[in-house]
Amino acid sequence: MADLIDAMQDALAAYSAGQVVQPVRTVLEVGPDKAYFGLMPAALDRPAALGAKLVTVYARNHDRGLPSHLATIVLLDPATGALAALVDGRYITEARTGAVSAVSLRLLARPESRVLAIIGSGVQARSHFEAVRHVATLDEVRVWSPTTDRRDTFARTMMHETGLAVRAVASPSAALQGADLIVLATASRTPVIDNADVMDGAHIMAVGACRPDQREMPTALVTRGRVFVDSLQGALKESGDVLLPIAERAMTDRHLAGELGALAAGDVTGRRTAAEVTIFKSLGMAVEDVVAARLAVERARAAGMGRPFDLQA
């Protein structure tokens, strides 16, 4: 994870510097349930990488015993375009999303931040807990999600695995009291926290709500905070947390402070005061997937792992 966090910071900086060829993802709605199918290609020169992620979100998959989010990453040889590797994109997506949020924490959170609130108890909650632990010293972790059993199980499991004080609480408000680090990792289409519950100086990592009609944060919180995104182009097309406040005329696109990659490169200003609320709204980008998959394949080859195959055989 530590190596992945560094790789994501470099990938974000390359994207914001114009060194990545990457369109906004193509999205199709599939079937009567309007399931999500996204195509996310990217190419960059340093490190040399070329590929695409195919990602689906089928809400009813849980009834079939399957994850709602599934993905496959195709890596190509940057020199020839030939197929180089097929990688399970589900875990890559989980890990790189947490790693990118950890970059935002590294660049925007107050150094003395010690209390983490996690809203959600799924795979992204778990990956964010792991990633945050690599860049922050935590004294306390609180978790809330709508299902009591799930949040209790998450708290017990994380406490057993890490030895940290992890506590399941009965409401989002209870999770946020005194929390200076906040992860929003839900499938909610409507705000899951209240502006009044967010303390001054907090840093928010919001990774759910990836469609224009979905949001995890209320307008009052978004307009209060200093907001960074992974891609300005993507946020102004896909993020309900950004687009809905703009539609309400509560703010304009000028409220966005900039891209996380530009902040990493020192091209924009980050946190300005200790009391300022900073927000990273994550949508996820193809360059993150391609660079993360490239790192995984490099490590697999070095360890003699993976399954070689030949399509011509």
Foldseek 3Di string as FASTA:
>chain_A
DVVLLVLLLVLLLCVVVVQKDWDQWDWFQDDPVRKIWIKTWMAGVVVGWTWIKIKIAQPCVVVVVDHRIWMKIWTADSVPRHTDDIDTLPVLVLQLLLSPVLLCCLLAADQPFAEEEEEDQDSNSVNNVVNVVVRHHHQEYEYEYPDPVRRVVSQVVVCVVPVHHYYYDDASLVRQAVHQEYEYDDQAQEARDAQVSHFFQHEYEYEYQFALRGDHYDLVNLLQAAEEESDLVSCCHGHVNPNVNVVVVVDHSVSHQYYSSCSSVVNTDHDDDNRHYYYYYYNDHGSSSRSSVVVVVVVCVVVVHDDDDDPVD
